[in-house]
């Protein structure tokens, strides 16, 4: 069973791509799943993240504040600004521009920790940055969306805050409390969490793609191009900032992956809940969910080869 789980985790990018292609070509089974399930599934992924957190993961915030602050500042400046710039550069329609901006304003993705581990980066820093950016997300994500997209659509800032608290923060806290007070049970489960999260992410992508297959097929090329540029520029700029600051390769790797890999499932969830009148807004998050797992697997190999 452990070998199967390791195999699933190692080939997460391929699994997500396969699921996305299947949902694109045969959307009916995935579209039959109500979008209501997106939030509980995302909550389960966040709960799994909470199970892996410990007080030591937050100590890195206080023991290495400069590194964590650098990563979080890069996270909440580079990706939102890139999203806004790309949306205007490609003259995207309002709904697609909103979707790109939603992705850019979200915190780091949970998969970033797995990719950082595979890349032989600074895993403690990666986990610390993910935890910190996730905790900051209820405040910063709605605020940034309002600043970047407030001229395009009406942004329900308070509603978004409550959604993030409900879908992200509450499950993480529940998982953290479970591993704190039920450590034996948690230790048994943690070994299988990367594979479980990989399967959940793949299924989540399948549902989102299945519900939006026709839209992806008609207007997907420009969205894919923007998403790829968004992600690749985020990875490159994250690494570049680490180099400018004289950080080690391991730290640069962690910051690069944390900046480039977004919680795009959250972006799709927020688009579904708060911007239902802009149906195309969910597309960039769906495409990003597929692409960043593929690019993450590729840069993990690249960074691991250049470890020094």
Protein backbone atom coordinates (compact mmCIF):
# COMPACT_ATOMS: atom_id res chain seq x y z
CA UNK A 1 0.00 0.00 0.00
CA UNK A 2 2.86 2.38 0.86
CA UNK A 3 4.43 1.79 -2.57
CA UNK A 4 1.12 2.53 -4.28
CA UNK A 5 0.77 5.76 -2.29
CA UNK A 6 4.34 6.81 -3.14
CA UNK A 7 3.66 6.10 -6.81
CA UNK A 8 0.49 8.23 -6.77
CA UNK A 9 2.31 11.11 -5.05
CA UNK A 10 5.29 10.94 -7.42
CA UNK A 11 3.10 11.00 -10.53
CA UNK A 12 0.57 13.53 -9.28
CA UNK A 13 1.12 15.84 -12.27
CA UNK A 14 0.45 13.04 -14.74
CA UNK A 15 -2.60 11.93 -12.76
CA UNK A 16 -4.07 15.44 -12.75
CA UNK A 17 -3.41 15.81 -16.49
CA UNK A 18 -5.02 12.44 -17.23
CA UNK A 19 -8.07 13.33 -15.15
CA UNK A 20 -8.38 16.73 -16.84
CA UNK A 21 -8.12 15.24 -20.35
CA UNK A 22 -10.68 12.56 -19.47
CA UNK A 23 -13.08 15.17 -18.12
CA UNK A 24 -12.54 17.32 -21.19
CA UNK A 25 -13.23 14.49 -23.65
CA UNK A 26 -15.90 12.68 -21.61
CA UNK A 27 -17.39 15.43 -19.41
CA UNK A 28 -20.78 13.83 -18.62
CA UNK A 29 -19.73 11.68 -15.59
CA UNK A 30 -17.86 14.60 -14.02
CA UNK A 31 -20.54 17.18 -14.84
CA UNK A 32 -23.05 14.90 -13.10
CA UNK A 33 -21.30 15.67 -9.80
CA UNK A 34 -22.85 18.78 -8.29
CA UNK A 35 -20.47 21.72 -7.89
CA UNK A 36 -21.63 21.87 -4.26
CA UNK A 37 -19.07 19.13 -3.57
CA UNK A 38 -16.16 21.38 -4.57
CA UNK A 39 -16.05 23.12 -1.20
CA UNK A 40 -16.21 19.95 0.96
CA UNK A 41 -13.50 18.36 -1.20
CA UNK A 42 -11.30 21.42 -0.87
CA UNK A 43 -12.02 21.35 2.85
CA UNK A 44 -10.84 17.73 3.04
CA UNK A 45 -7.57 18.69 1.33
CA UNK A 46 -7.14 21.53 3.83
CA UNK A 47 -7.99 19.17 6.69
CA UNK A 48 -5.21 16.87 5.48
CA UNK A 49 -2.85 19.83 5.50
CA UNK A 50 -3.87 20.55 9.10
CA UNK A 51 -3.07 16.96 10.06
CA UNK A 52 0.51 17.43 8.89
CA UNK A 53 1.06 20.72 10.71
CA UNK A 54 2.73 20.90 14.09
CA UNK A 55 3.83 23.76 16.37
CA UNK A 56 7.33 23.43 14.92
CA UNK A 57 5.99 24.40 11.48
CA UNK A 58 4.95 27.75 12.92
CA UNK A 59 8.18 28.19 14.87
CA UNK A 60 9.97 28.73 11.56
CA UNK A 61 7.96 31.95 11.28
CA UNK A 62 9.63 33.24 14.44
CA UNK A 63 13.02 31.56 14.08
CA UNK A 64 13.42 32.61 10.42
CA UNK A 65 11.07 35.57 9.99
CA UNK A 66 13.09 37.11 7.15
CA UNK A 67 12.79 34.01 4.97
CA UNK A 68 9.07 33.54 5.63
CA UNK A 69 8.34 37.26 5.19
CA UNK A 70 10.25 37.28 1.89
CA UNK A 71 8.23 34.33 0.62
CA UNK A 72 4.85 35.71 1.73
CA UNK A 73 5.55 39.20 0.36
CA UNK A 74 6.56 37.66 -2.96
CA UNK A 75 3.44 35.47 -2.89
CA UNK A 76 0.99 38.31 -2.38
CA UNK A 77 2.70 40.82 -4.69
CA UNK A 78 4.18 38.94 -7.64
CA UNK A 79 1.20 36.72 -8.48
CA UNK A 80 -1.57 39.36 -8.12
CA UNK A 81 0.42 41.92 -10.12
CA UNK A 82 1.28 39.36 -12.80
CA UNK A 83 -2.39 38.38 -13.02
CA UNK A 84 -3.48 42.01 -13.45
CA UNK A 85 -0.74 42.68 -16.00
CA UNK A 86 -1.49 39.57 -18.10
CA UNK A 87 -5.24 40.22 -18.01
CA UNK A 88 -4.67 43.71 -19.44
CA UNK A 89 -1.87 42.71 -21.81
CA UNK A 90 -4.06 40.06 -23.46
CA UNK A 91 -7.21 42.23 -23.19
CA UNK A 92 -9.12 39.38 -21.55
CA UNK A 93 -12.90 39.63 -21.20
CA UNK A 94 -14.06 40.64 -17.71
CA UNK A 95 -14.97 37.11 -16.58
CA UNK A 96 -11.66 35.56 -17.68
CA UNK A 97 -9.70 38.51 -16.27
CA UNK A 98 -11.52 38.01 -12.97
CA UNK A 99 -10.62 34.31 -12.96
CA UNK A 100 -6.94 35.02 -13.59
CA UNK A 101 -6.90 37.65 -10.84
CA UNK A 102 -8.63 35.26 -8.42
CA UNK A 103 -5.88 32.70 -9.00
CA UNK A 104 -3.19 35.34 -8.51
CA UNK A 105 -4.65 36.57 -5.23
CA UNK A 106 -4.95 33.15 -3.58
CA UNK A 107 -2.38 31.74 -1.13
CA UNK A 108 0.17 29.07 -1.98
CA UNK A 109 -1.13 25.65 -2.97
CA UNK A 110 -0.89 22.61 -0.73
CA UNK A 111 0.94 20.72 -3.48
CA UNK A 112 3.85 23.16 -3.16
CA UNK A 113 5.14 21.30 -0.10
CA UNK A 114 5.23 17.97 -1.96
CA UNK A 115 6.95 19.59 -4.97
CA UNK A 116 9.50 21.34 -2.71
CA UNK A 117 10.30 18.00 -1.08
CA UNK A 118 10.82 16.38 -4.50
CA UNK A 119 12.96 19.36 -5.56
CA UNK A 120 15.16 18.93 -2.45
CA UNK A 121 14.29 22.46 -1.39
CA UNK A 122 13.89 23.88 2.11
CA UNK A 123 10.79 21.93 3.16
CA UNK A 124 10.46 23.59 6.58
CA UNK A 125 10.43 27.02 4.90
CA UNK A 126 7.89 25.82 2.33
CA UNK A 127 5.52 24.52 5.00
CA UNK A 128 5.99 27.69 7.05
CA UNK A 129 5.21 29.90 4.05
CA UNK A 130 2.16 27.84 3.06
CA UNK A 131 0.81 27.96 6.61
CA UNK A 132 1.45 31.69 6.92
CA UNK A 133 0.00 32.65 3.53
CA UNK A 134 -3.05 30.47 4.22
CA UNK A 135 -3.63 32.16 7.58
CA UNK A 136 -3.29 35.57 5.91
CA UNK A 137 -5.58 34.62 3.01
CA UNK A 138 -8.94 35.51 4.64
CA UNK A 139 -7.76 39.11 4.85
CA UNK A 140 -5.40 39.52 1.88
CA UNK A 141 -7.16 37.50 -0.83
CA UNK A 142 -10.50 39.42 -0.72
CA UNK A 143 -8.66 42.73 -0.33
CA UNK A 144 -6.39 42.05 -3.32
CA UNK A 145 -9.29 40.83 -5.47
CA UNK A 146 -11.18 44.03 -4.62
CA UNK A 147 -8.12 46.17 -5.50
CA UNK A 148 -7.35 44.31 -8.74
CA UNK A 149 -10.83 43.49 -10.01
CA UNK A 150 -13.09 45.97 -8.22
CA UNK A 151 -13.45 48.01 -11.40
CA UNK A 152 -14.53 44.92 -13.35
CA UNK A 153 -17.14 43.42 -11.01
CA UNK A 154 -18.75 43.98 -7.63
CA UNK A 155 -16.61 42.14 -5.09
CA UNK A 156 -18.33 40.75 -1.99
CA UNK A 157 -15.29 41.16 0.27
CA UNK A 158 -17.00 40.05 3.48
CA UNK A 159 -18.55 37.04 1.76
CA UNK A 160 -15.16 35.97 0.44
CA UNK A 161 -13.64 36.31 3.89
CA UNK A 162 -16.31 34.02 5.34
CA UNK A 163 -15.88 31.51 2.50
CA UNK A 164 -12.13 31.26 3.05
CA UNK A 165 -12.61 30.90 6.80
CA UNK A 166 -15.14 28.13 6.22
CA UNK A 167 -13.41 26.26 3.39
CA UNK A 168 -9.75 26.75 4.32
CA UNK A 169 -9.08 27.92 7.87
CA UNK A 170 -11.69 25.84 9.77
CA UNK A 171 -10.61 22.48 8.24
CA UNK A 172 -6.92 23.27 8.83
CA UNK A 173 -7.62 24.11 12.48
CA UNK A 174 -9.65 20.89 12.85
CA UNK A 175 -6.80 18.84 11.39
CA UNK A 176 -4.24 20.61 13.56
CA UNK A 177 -6.29 19.92 16.70
CA UNK A 178 -6.74 16.28 15.71
CA UNK A 179 -3.02 15.67 15.31
CA UNK A 180 -2.43 17.53 18.57
CA UNK A 181 -4.88 15.51 20.67
CA UNK A 182 -5.07 12.23 18.72
CA UNK A 183 -1.41 11.78 17.71
CA UNK A 184 -1.48 7.98 17.37
CA UNK A 185 -4.40 8.01 14.95
CA UNK A 186 -2.89 10.91 13.04
CA UNK A 187 0.49 9.20 12.63
CA UNK A 188 -1.23 6.25 10.98
CA UNK A 189 -3.07 8.51 8.56
CA UNK A 190 -0.24 10.91 7.66
CA UNK A 191 1.66 8.32 5.60
CA UNK A 192 -1.27 8.13 3.19
CA UNK A 193 -2.08 11.86 3.06
CA UNK A 194 0.06 12.84 0.03
CA UNK A 195 -1.62 10.15 -2.08
CA UNK A 196 -5.07 11.05 -0.71
CA UNK A 197 -4.51 14.74 -1.44
CA UNK A 198 -3.25 13.92 -4.94
CA UNK A 199 -6.38 11.88 -5.69
CA UNK A 200 -8.66 14.56 -4.25
CA UNK A 201 -6.93 17.29 -6.26
CA UNK A 202 -7.22 15.21 -9.44
CA UNK A 203 -10.92 14.52 -8.81
CA UNK A 204 -11.52 18.19 -8.00
CA UNK A 205 -9.88 19.19 -11.28
CA UNK A 206 -11.98 16.60 -13.11
CA UNK A 207 -15.23 18.01 -11.72
CA UNK A 208 -14.29 21.61 -12.52
CA UNK A 209 -13.14 20.72 -16.04
CA UNK A 210 -16.18 18.50 -16.64
CA UNK A 211 -18.57 21.31 -15.78
CA UNK A 212 -16.72 23.73 -18.06
CA UNK A 213 -15.57 21.44 -20.91
CA UNK A 214 -17.47 23.27 -23.66
CA UNK A 215 -16.14 26.65 -22.53
CA UNK A 216 -12.60 25.30 -22.37
CA UNK A 217 -12.84 23.89 -25.88
CA UNK A 218 -14.13 27.16 -27.35
CA UNK A 219 -11.93 29.67 -25.54
CA UNK A 220 -9.25 27.59 -23.92
CA UNK A 221 -6.14 28.45 -25.97
CA UNK A 222 -5.77 32.04 -24.76
CA UNK A 223 -6.54 31.00 -21.18
CA UNK A 224 -3.93 28.23 -21.29
CA UNK A 225 -1.35 30.67 -22.62
CA UNK A 226 -2.07 33.23 -19.89
CA UNK A 227 -2.06 30.56 -17.16
CA UNK A 228 1.25 29.09 -18.34
CA UNK A 229 2.86 32.55 -18.44
CA UNK A 230 1.43 33.39 -15.01
CA UNK A 231 2.82 30.24 -13.45
CA UNK A 232 6.21 30.20 -15.21
CA UNK A 233 6.85 33.90 -14.49
CA UNK A 234 5.89 33.33 -10.85
CA UNK A 235 8.33 30.43 -10.54
CA UNK A 236 11.13 32.39 -12.23
CA UNK A 237 10.58 35.63 -10.28
CA UNK A 238 10.33 33.74 -6.98
CA UNK A 239 13.68 32.11 -7.63
CA UNK A 240 15.15 35.38 -8.88
CA UNK A 241 14.18 37.26 -5.72
CA UNK A 242 15.86 34.56 -3.64
CA UNK A 243 19.01 34.92 -5.73
CA UNK A 244 19.00 38.73 -5.40
CA UNK A 245 18.76 38.39 -1.63
CA UNK A 246 21.65 35.93 -1.56
CA UNK A 247 19.59 33.02 -0.25
CA UNK A 248 20.75 29.42 -0.62
CA UNK A 249 19.56 27.28 -3.52
CA UNK A 250 17.30 25.30 -1.17
CA UNK A 251 15.58 28.49 0.04
CA UNK A 252 15.30 29.89 -3.47
CA UNK A 253 13.71 26.64 -4.57
CA UNK A 254 11.13 26.77 -1.77
CA UNK A 255 10.22 30.41 -2.49
CA UNK A 256 10.05 29.81 -6.25
CA UNK A 257 7.65 26.87 -5.88
CA UNK A 258 5.59 28.57 -3.19
CA UNK A 259 5.14 31.69 -5.32
CA UNK A 260 4.43 29.86 -8.58
CA UNK A 261 2.00 27.24 -7.24
CA UNK A 262 -1.33 28.73 -6.19
CA UNK A 263 -4.32 27.31 -4.33
CA UNK A 264 -6.23 27.36 -7.62
CA UNK A 265 -8.92 25.08 -6.22
CA UNK A 266 -9.80 27.90 -3.84
CA UNK A 267 -9.90 30.31 -6.78
CA UNK A 268 -12.38 28.06 -8.61
CA UNK A 269 -14.43 27.69 -5.44
CA UNK A 270 -14.61 31.46 -4.90
CA UNK A 271 -15.52 31.97 -8.56
CA UNK A 272 -18.32 29.40 -8.27
CA UNK A 273 -19.75 30.82 -5.05
CA UNK A 274 -19.34 34.58 -5.44
CA UNK A 275 -19.20 35.19 -9.19
CA UNK A 276 -21.83 32.82 -10.59
CA UNK A 277 -22.93 35.51 -13.06
CA UNK A 278 -19.44 35.30 -14.61
CA UNK A 279 -19.31 31.59 -15.52
CA UNK A 280 -15.98 31.81 -17.37
CA UNK A 281 -14.26 33.06 -14.19
CA UNK A 282 -13.86 29.46 -13.03
CA UNK A 283 -11.82 28.47 -16.12
CA UNK A 284 -8.40 29.96 -15.21
CA UNK A 285 -8.47 28.18 -11.85
CA UNK A 286 -9.30 24.88 -13.53
CA UNK A 287 -6.49 25.27 -16.08
CA UNK A 288 -4.04 26.42 -13.40
CA UNK A 289 -4.89 23.34 -11.29
CA UNK A 290 -3.79 21.12 -14.15
CA UNK A 291 -0.79 23.08 -15.37
CA UNK A 292 0.94 23.97 -12.10
CA UNK A 293 1.12 20.31 -11.09
CA UNK A 294 2.80 19.51 -14.40
CA UNK A 295 5.21 22.46 -14.25
CA UNK A 296 5.83 21.74 -10.57
CA UNK A 297 6.93 18.19 -11.36
CA UNK A 298 9.24 19.50 -14.11
CA UNK A 299 10.89 22.22 -12.01
CA UNK A 300 11.27 19.77 -9.12
CA UNK A 301 13.53 17.65 -11.31
CA UNK A 302 15.37 20.74 -12.59
CA UNK A 303 15.98 22.15 -9.10
CA UNK A 304 16.97 18.75 -7.70
CA UNK A 305 19.57 18.35 -10.48
CA UNK A 306 21.05 21.77 -9.64
CA UNK A 307 21.15 21.18 -5.88
CA UNK A 308 24.38 22.33 -4.33
